[in-house]
C-alpha cells in the first residue's frame, strides 16, 4: 500500500487514475486500494512479458481519458 500512497506524487498516470477514482465517489482509502490493485496488474504484465516498466505504456489509457 505504500507504493500506492506515493505513486500519485511521482507518476502523472497514477495521479490521473487516483483522481478518476475519487471523482467517481471513492473514498481516499478505496481509491488507494484501487490504485494498488492497478499497480499489481502492471507489475504482473511486466513480469509475464519480460518487459521493463514504462510510464507511458502503463498509464497511456488513463492519461488519455484525463486529457479528454
PDB file of N, CA and C in Angstrom:
ATOM      1  N   UNK A   1       0.824  -1.190   0.000  1.00  0.00           N
ATOM      2  CA  UNK A   1       0.000   0.000   0.000  1.00  0.00           C
ATOM      3  C   UNK A   1       0.868   1.253   0.000  1.00  0.00           C
ATOM      4  N   UNK A   2       2.105   1.158   0.471  1.00  0.00           N
ATOM      5  CA  UNK A   2       2.993   2.313   0.482  1.00  0.00           C
ATOM      6  C   UNK A   2       3.239   2.827  -0.927  1.00  0.00           C
ATOM      7  N   UNK A   3       3.404   1.919  -1.884  1.00  0.00           N
ATOM      8  CA  UNK A   3       3.624   2.332  -3.263  1.00  0.00           C
ATOM      9  C   UNK A   3       2.414   3.100  -3.791  1.00  0.00           C
ATOM     10  N   UNK A   4       1.236   2.652  -3.462  1.00  0.00           N
ATOM     11  CA  UNK A   4       0.022   3.332  -3.912  1.00  0.00           C
ATOM     12  C   UNK A   4      -0.088   4.711  -3.266  1.00  0.00           C
ATOM     13  N   UNK A   5       0.408   4.847  -2.051  1.00  0.00           N
ATOM     14  CA  UNK A   5       0.343   6.129  -1.354  1.00  0.00           C
ATOM     15  C   UNK A   5       1.283   7.149  -1.989  1.00  0.00           C
ATOM     16  N   UNK A   6       2.453   6.706  -2.447  1.00  0.00           N
ATOM     17  CA  UNK A   6       3.437   7.638  -3.009  1.00  0.00           C
ATOM     18  C   UNK A   6       3.327   7.773  -4.531  1.00  0.00           C
ATOM     19  N   UNK A   7       2.727   6.823  -5.201  1.00  0.00           N
ATOM     20  CA  UNK A   7       2.669   6.850  -6.665  1.00  0.00           C
ATOM     21  C   UNK A   7       2.015   8.112  -7.231  1.00  0.00           C
ATOM     22  N   UNK A   8       0.908   8.596  -6.676  1.00  0.00           N
ATOM     23  CA  UNK A   8       0.295   9.799  -7.261  1.00  0.00           C
ATOM     24  C   UNK A   8       1.201  11.033  -7.226  1.00  0.00           C
ATOM     25  N   UNK A   9       2.143  11.070  -6.293  1.00  0.00           N
ATOM     26  CA  UNK A   9       3.063  12.207  -6.221  1.00  0.00           C
ATOM     27  C   UNK A   9       4.137  12.148  -7.304  1.00  0.00           C
ATOM     28  N   UNK A  10       4.458  10.947  -7.765  1.00  0.00           N
ATOM     29  CA  UNK A  10       5.584  10.770  -8.677  1.00  0.00           C
ATOM     30  C   UNK A  10       5.193  10.335 -10.078  1.00  0.00           C
ATOM     31  N   UNK A  11       3.967   9.945 -10.269  1.00  0.00           N
ATOM     32  CA  UNK A  11       3.528   9.416 -11.554  1.00  0.00           C
ATOM     33  C   UNK A  11       2.271  10.138 -12.019  1.00  0.00           C
ATOM     34  N   UNK A  12       2.356  10.847 -13.150  1.00  0.00           N
ATOM     35  CA  UNK A  12       1.149  11.510 -13.663  1.00  0.00           C
ATOM     36  C   UNK A  12       0.028  10.521 -13.973  1.00  0.00           C
ATOM     37  N   UNK A  13       0.381   9.340 -14.438  1.00  0.00           N
ATOM     38  CA  UNK A  13      -0.632   8.330 -14.738  1.00  0.00           C
ATOM     39  C   UNK A  13      -1.324   7.834 -13.491  1.00  0.00           C
ATOM     40  N   UNK A  14      -0.552   7.576 -12.454  1.00  0.00           N
ATOM     41  CA  UNK A  14      -1.128   7.136 -11.188  1.00  0.00           C
ATOM     42  C   UNK A  14      -1.998   8.237 -10.593  1.00  0.00           C
ATOM     43  N   UNK A  15      -1.563   9.482 -10.729  1.00  0.00           N
ATOM     44  CA  UNK A  15      -2.353  10.613 -10.236  1.00  0.00           C
ATOM     45  C   UNK A  15      -3.694  10.696 -10.970  1.00  0.00           C
ATOM     46  N   UNK A  16      -3.652  10.545 -12.289  1.00  0.00           N
ATOM     47  CA  UNK A  16      -4.885  10.602 -13.082  1.00  0.00           C
ATOM     48  C   UNK A  16      -5.829   9.464 -12.681  1.00  0.00           C
ATOM     49  N   UNK A  17      -5.279   8.274 -12.464  1.00  0.00           N
ATOM     50  CA  UNK A  17      -6.088   7.119 -12.065  1.00  0.00           C
ATOM     51  C   UNK A  17      -6.710   7.359 -10.695  1.00  0.00           C
ATOM     52  N   UNK A  18      -5.908   7.821  -9.746  1.00  0.00           N
ATOM     53  CA  UNK A  18      -6.396   8.116  -8.396  1.00  0.00           C
ATOM     54  C   UNK A  18      -7.497   9.186  -8.447  1.00  0.00           C
ATOM     55  N   UNK A  19      -7.233  10.269  -9.178  1.00  0.00           N
ATOM     56  CA  UNK A  19      -8.212  11.352  -9.279  1.00  0.00           C
ATOM     57  C   UNK A  19      -9.522  10.864  -9.901  1.00  0.00           C
ATOM     58  N   UNK A  20      -9.415   9.979 -10.882  1.00  0.00           N
ATOM     59  CA  UNK A  20     -10.617   9.442 -11.507  1.00  0.00           C
ATOM     60  C   UNK A  20     -11.422   8.606 -10.518  1.00  0.00           C
ATOM     61  N   UNK A  21     -10.739   7.828  -9.705  1.00  0.00           N
ATOM     62  CA  UNK A  21     -11.437   7.036  -8.683  1.00  0.00           C
ATOM     63  C   UNK A  21     -12.144   7.950  -7.685  1.00  0.00           C
ATOM     64  N   UNK A  22     -11.468   9.024  -7.286  1.00  0.00           N
ATOM     65  CA  UNK A  22     -12.073   9.973  -6.342  1.00  0.00           C
ATOM     66  C   UNK A  22     -13.277  10.665  -6.962  1.00  0.00           C
ATOM     67  N   UNK A  23     -13.163  11.012  -8.248  1.00  0.00           N
ATOM     68  CA  UNK A  23     -14.273  11.680  -8.934  1.00  0.00           C
ATOM     69  C   UNK A  23     -15.492  10.766  -9.030  1.00  0.00           C
ATOM     70  N   UNK A  24     -15.259   9.478  -9.041  1.00  0.00           N
ATOM     71  CA  UNK A  24     -16.363   8.514  -9.072  1.00  0.00           C
ATOM     72  C   UNK A  24     -16.997   8.321  -7.705  1.00  0.00           C
ATOM     73  N   UNK A  25     -16.443   8.977  -6.687  1.00  0.00           N
ATOM     74  CA  UNK A  25     -17.028   8.907  -5.360  1.00  0.00           C
ATOM     75  C   UNK A  25     -16.313   7.982  -4.394  1.00  0.00           C
ATOM     76  N   UNK A  26     -15.182   7.420  -4.789  1.00  0.00           N
ATOM     77  CA  UNK A  26     -14.435   6.534  -3.893  1.00  0.00           C
ATOM     78  C   UNK A  26     -13.767   7.355  -2.790  1.00  0.00           C
ATOM     79  N   UNK A  27     -13.736   6.796  -1.597  1.00  0.00           N
ATOM     80  CA  UNK A  27     -13.017   7.463  -0.504  1.00  0.00           C
ATOM     81  C   UNK A  27     -11.522   7.419  -0.804  1.00  0.00           C
ATOM     82  N   UNK A  28     -10.752   8.164  -0.035  1.00  0.00           N
ATOM     83  CA  UNK A  28      -9.296   8.168  -0.206  1.00  0.00           C
ATOM     84  C   UNK A  28      -8.728   6.757  -0.109  1.00  0.00           C
ATOM     85  N   UNK A  29      -9.123   6.034   0.932  1.00  0.00           N
ATOM     86  CA  UNK A  29      -8.600   4.677   1.120  1.00  0.00           C
ATOM     87  C   UNK A  29      -9.034   3.734   0.008  1.00  0.00           C
ATOM     88  N   UNK A  30     -10.270   3.846  -0.429  1.00  0.00           N
ATOM     89  CA  UNK A  30     -10.754   2.985  -1.514  1.00  0.00           C
ATOM     90  C   UNK A  30     -10.011   3.298  -2.811  1.00  0.00           C
ATOM     91  N   UNK A  31      -9.771   4.576  -3.078  1.00  0.00           N
ATOM     92  CA  UNK A  31      -9.030   4.959  -4.286  1.00  0.00           C
ATOM     93  C   UNK A  31      -7.598   4.439  -4.225  1.00  0.00           C
ATOM     94  N   UNK A  32      -6.984   4.478  -3.047  1.00  0.00           N
ATOM     95  CA  UNK A  32      -5.624   3.928  -2.905  1.00  0.00           C
ATOM     96  C   UNK A  32      -5.622   2.415  -3.119  1.00  0.00           C
ATOM     97  N   UNK A  33      -6.647   1.728  -2.632  1.00  0.00           N
ATOM     98  CA  UNK A  33      -6.729   0.281  -2.856  1.00  0.00           C
ATOM     99  C   UNK A  33      -6.867  -0.023  -4.339  1.00  0.00           C
ATOM    100  N   UNK A  34      -7.696   0.743  -5.034  1.00  0.00           N
ATOM    101  CA  UNK A  34      -7.853   0.552  -6.482  1.00  0.00           C
ATOM    102  C   UNK A  34      -6.535   0.806  -7.195  1.00  0.00           C
ATOM    103  N   UNK A  35      -5.827   1.855  -6.783  1.00  0.00           N
ATOM    104  CA  UNK A  35      -4.528   2.173  -7.383  1.00  0.00           C
ATOM    105  C   UNK A  35      -3.530   1.051  -7.110  1.00  0.00           C
ATOM    106  N   UNK A  36      -3.526   0.532  -5.886  1.00  0.00           N
ATOM    107  CA  UNK A  36      -2.626  -0.577  -5.555  1.00  0.00           C
ATOM    108  C   UNK A  36      -2.928  -1.792  -6.431  1.00  0.00           C
ATOM    109  N   UNK A  37      -4.199  -2.087  -6.631  1.00  0.00           N
ATOM    110  CA  UNK A  37      -4.576  -3.207  -7.499  1.00  0.00           C
ATOM    111  C   UNK A  37      -4.086  -2.981  -8.924  1.00  0.00           C
ATOM    112  N   UNK A  38      -4.208  -1.753  -9.404  1.00  0.00           N
ATOM    113  CA  UNK A  38      -3.740  -1.432 -10.765  1.00  0.00           C
ATOM    114  C   UNK A  38      -2.232  -1.591 -10.859  1.00  0.00           C
ATOM    115  N   UNK A  39      -1.503  -1.146  -9.834  1.00  0.00           N
ATOM    116  CA  UNK A  39      -0.047  -1.279  -9.842  1.00  0.00           C
ATOM    117  C   UNK A  39       0.378  -2.744  -9.862  1.00  0.00           C
ATOM    118  N   UNK A  40      -0.332  -3.584  -9.117  1.00  0.00           N
ATOM    119  CA  UNK A  40      -0.042  -5.022  -9.129  1.00  0.00           C
ATOM    120  C   UNK A  40      -0.301  -5.593 -10.524  1.00  0.00           C
ATOM    121  N   UNK A  41      -1.370  -5.151 -11.161  1.00  0.00           N
ATOM    122  CA  UNK A  41      -1.658  -5.606 -12.524  1.00  0.00           C
ATOM    123  C   UNK A  41      -0.574  -5.190 -13.504  1.00  0.00           C
ATOM    124  N   UNK A  42      -0.072  -3.975 -13.362  1.00  0.00           N
ATOM    125  CA  UNK A  42       1.014  -3.511 -14.234  1.00  0.00           C
ATOM    126  C   UNK A  42       2.262  -4.348 -13.987  1.00  0.00           C
ATOM    127  N   UNK A  43       2.591  -4.591 -12.721  1.00  0.00           N
ATOM    128  CA  UNK A  43       3.755  -5.419 -12.389  1.00  0.00           C
ATOM    129  C   UNK A  43       3.597  -6.818 -12.964  1.00  0.00           C
ATOM    130  N   UNK A  44       2.416  -7.391 -12.833  1.00  0.00           N
ATOM    131  CA  UNK A  44       2.176  -8.727 -13.373  1.00  0.00           C
ATOM    132  C   UNK A  44       2.404  -8.741 -14.884  1.00  0.00           C
ATOM    133  N   UNK A  45       1.907  -7.727 -15.579  1.00  0.00           N
ATOM    134  CA  UNK A  45       2.108  -7.645 -17.020  1.00  0.00           C
ATOM    135  C   UNK A  45       3.575  -7.547 -17.392  1.00  0.00           C
ATOM    136  N   UNK A  46       4.321  -6.764 -16.642  1.00  0.00           N
ATOM    137  CA  UNK A  46       5.764  -6.634 -16.903  1.00  0.00           C
ATOM    138  C   UNK A  46       6.475  -7.969 -16.693  1.00  0.00           C
ATOM    139  N   UNK A  47       6.150  -8.653 -15.611  1.00  0.00           N
ATOM    140  CA  UNK A  47       6.786  -9.939 -15.327  1.00  0.00           C
ATOM    141  C   UNK A  47       6.393 -10.998 -16.354  1.00  0.00           C
ATOM    142  N   UNK A  48       5.142 -11.000 -16.741  1.00  0.00           N
ATOM    143  CA  UNK A  48       4.643 -12.001 -17.687  1.00  0.00           C
ATOM    144  C   UNK A  48       5.282 -11.852 -19.060  1.00  0.00           C
ATOM    145  N   UNK A  49       5.458 -10.602 -19.500  1.00  0.00           N
ATOM    146  CA  UNK A  49       6.010 -10.366 -20.835  1.00  0.00           C
ATOM    147  C   UNK A  49       7.510 -10.128 -20.831  1.00  0.00           C
ATOM    148  N   UNK A  50       8.103 -10.001 -19.652  1.00  0.00           N
ATOM    149  CA  UNK A  50       9.546  -9.771 -19.567  1.00  0.00           C
ATOM    150  C   UNK A  50       9.951  -8.383 -20.028  1.00  0.00           C
ATOM    151  N   UNK A  51       9.051  -7.415 -19.869  1.00  0.00           N
ATOM    152  CA  UNK A  51       9.361  -6.054 -20.290  1.00  0.00           C
ATOM    153  C   UNK A  51       9.593  -5.159 -19.078  1.00  0.00           C
ATOM    154  N   UNK A  52      10.329  -4.091 -19.302  1.00  0.00           N
ATOM    155  CA  UNK A  52      10.578  -3.127 -18.245  1.00  0.00           C
ATOM    156  C   UNK A  52       9.373  -2.201 -18.110  1.00  0.00           C
ATOM    157  N   UNK A  53       9.196  -1.674 -16.916  1.00  0.00           N
ATOM    158  CA  UNK A  53       8.121  -0.716 -16.664  1.00  0.00           C
ATOM    159  C   UNK A  53       8.342   0.526 -17.513  1.00  0.00           C
ATOM    160  N   UNK A  54       7.277   0.996 -18.112  1.00  0.00           N
ATOM    161  CA  UNK A  54       7.315   2.222 -18.892  1.00  0.00           C
ATOM    162  C   UNK A  54       6.084   3.036 -18.514  1.00  0.00           C
ATOM    163  N   UNK A  55       6.312   4.207 -17.971  1.00  0.00           N
ATOM    164  CA  UNK A  55       5.217   5.073 -17.505  1.00  0.00           C
ATOM    165  C   UNK A  55       4.191   5.337 -18.604  1.00  0.00           C
ATOM    166  N   UNK A  56       4.652   5.649 -19.778  1.00  0.00           N
ATOM    167  CA  UNK A  56       3.744   5.976 -20.880  1.00  0.00           C
ATOM    168  C   UNK A  56       2.893   4.782 -21.268  1.00  0.00           C
ATOM    169  N   UNK A  57       3.494   3.616 -21.371  1.00  0.00           N
ATOM    170  CA  UNK A  57       2.755   2.409 -21.734  1.00  0.00           C
ATOM    171  C   UNK A  57       1.777   2.013 -20.632  1.00  0.00           C
ATOM    172  N   UNK A  58       2.230   2.068 -19.400  1.00  0.00           N
ATOM    173  CA  UNK A  58       1.411   1.617 -18.277  1.00  0.00           C
ATOM    174  C   UNK A  58       0.166   2.466 -18.074  1.00  0.00           C
ATOM    175  N   UNK A  59       0.270   3.757 -18.306  1.00  0.00           N
ATOM    176  CA  UNK A  59      -0.828   4.651 -17.970  1.00  0.00           C
ATOM    177  C   UNK A  59      -1.430   5.376 -19.161  1.00  0.00           C
ATOM    178  N   UNK A  60      -1.037   5.053 -20.380  1.00  0.00           N
ATOM    179  CA  UNK A  60      -1.488   5.811 -21.546  1.00  0.00           C
ATOM    180  C   UNK A  60      -3.015   5.877 -21.634  1.00  0.00           C
ATOM    181  N   UNK A  61      -3.674   4.782 -21.367  1.00  0.00           N
ATOM    182  CA  UNK A  61      -5.137   4.743 -21.413  1.00  0.00           C
ATOM    183  C   UNK A  61      -5.752   5.747 -20.445  1.00  0.00           C
ATOM    184  N   UNK A  62      -5.216   5.802 -19.238  1.00  0.00           N
ATOM    185  CA  UNK A  62      -5.763   6.665 -18.199  1.00  0.00           C
ATOM    186  C   UNK A  62      -5.373   8.122 -18.413  1.00  0.00           C
ATOM    187  N   UNK A  63      -4.191   8.357 -18.963  1.00  0.00           N
ATOM    188  CA  UNK A  63      -3.780   9.729 -19.248  1.00  0.00           C
ATOM    189  C   UNK A  63      -4.620  10.316 -20.371  1.00  0.00           C
ATOM    190  N   UNK A  64      -4.939   9.504 -21.368  1.00  0.00           N
ATOM    191  CA  UNK A  64      -5.779   9.981 -22.470  1.00  0.00           C
ATOM    192  C   UNK A  64      -7.175  10.342 -21.984  1.00  0.00           C
ATOM    193  N   UNK A  65      -7.717   9.549 -21.072  1.00  0.00           N
ATOM    194  CA  UNK A  65      -9.047   9.842 -20.529  1.00  0.00           C
ATOM    195  C   UNK A  65      -9.021  11.122 -19.690  1.00  0.00           C
ATOM    196  N   UNK A  66      -7.921  11.351 -18.955  1.00  0.00           N
ATOM    197  CA  UNK A  66      -7.823  12.547 -18.118  1.00  0.00           C
ATOM    198  C   UNK A  66      -7.728  13.799 -18.962  1.00  0.00           C
ATOM    199  N   UNK A  67      -7.094  13.701 -20.129  1.00  0.00           N
ATOM    200  CA  UNK A  67      -6.932  14.859 -21.008  1.00  0.00           C
ATOM    201  C   UNK A  67      -8.223  15.197 -21.743  1.00  0.00           C
ATOM    202  N   UNK A  68      -9.106  14.204 -21.886  1.00  0.00           N
ATOM    203  CA  UNK A  68     -10.354  14.423 -22.647  1.00  0.00           C
ATOM    204  C   UNK A  68     -11.373  15.196 -21.846  1.00  0.00           C
TER     205      UNK A  68
END
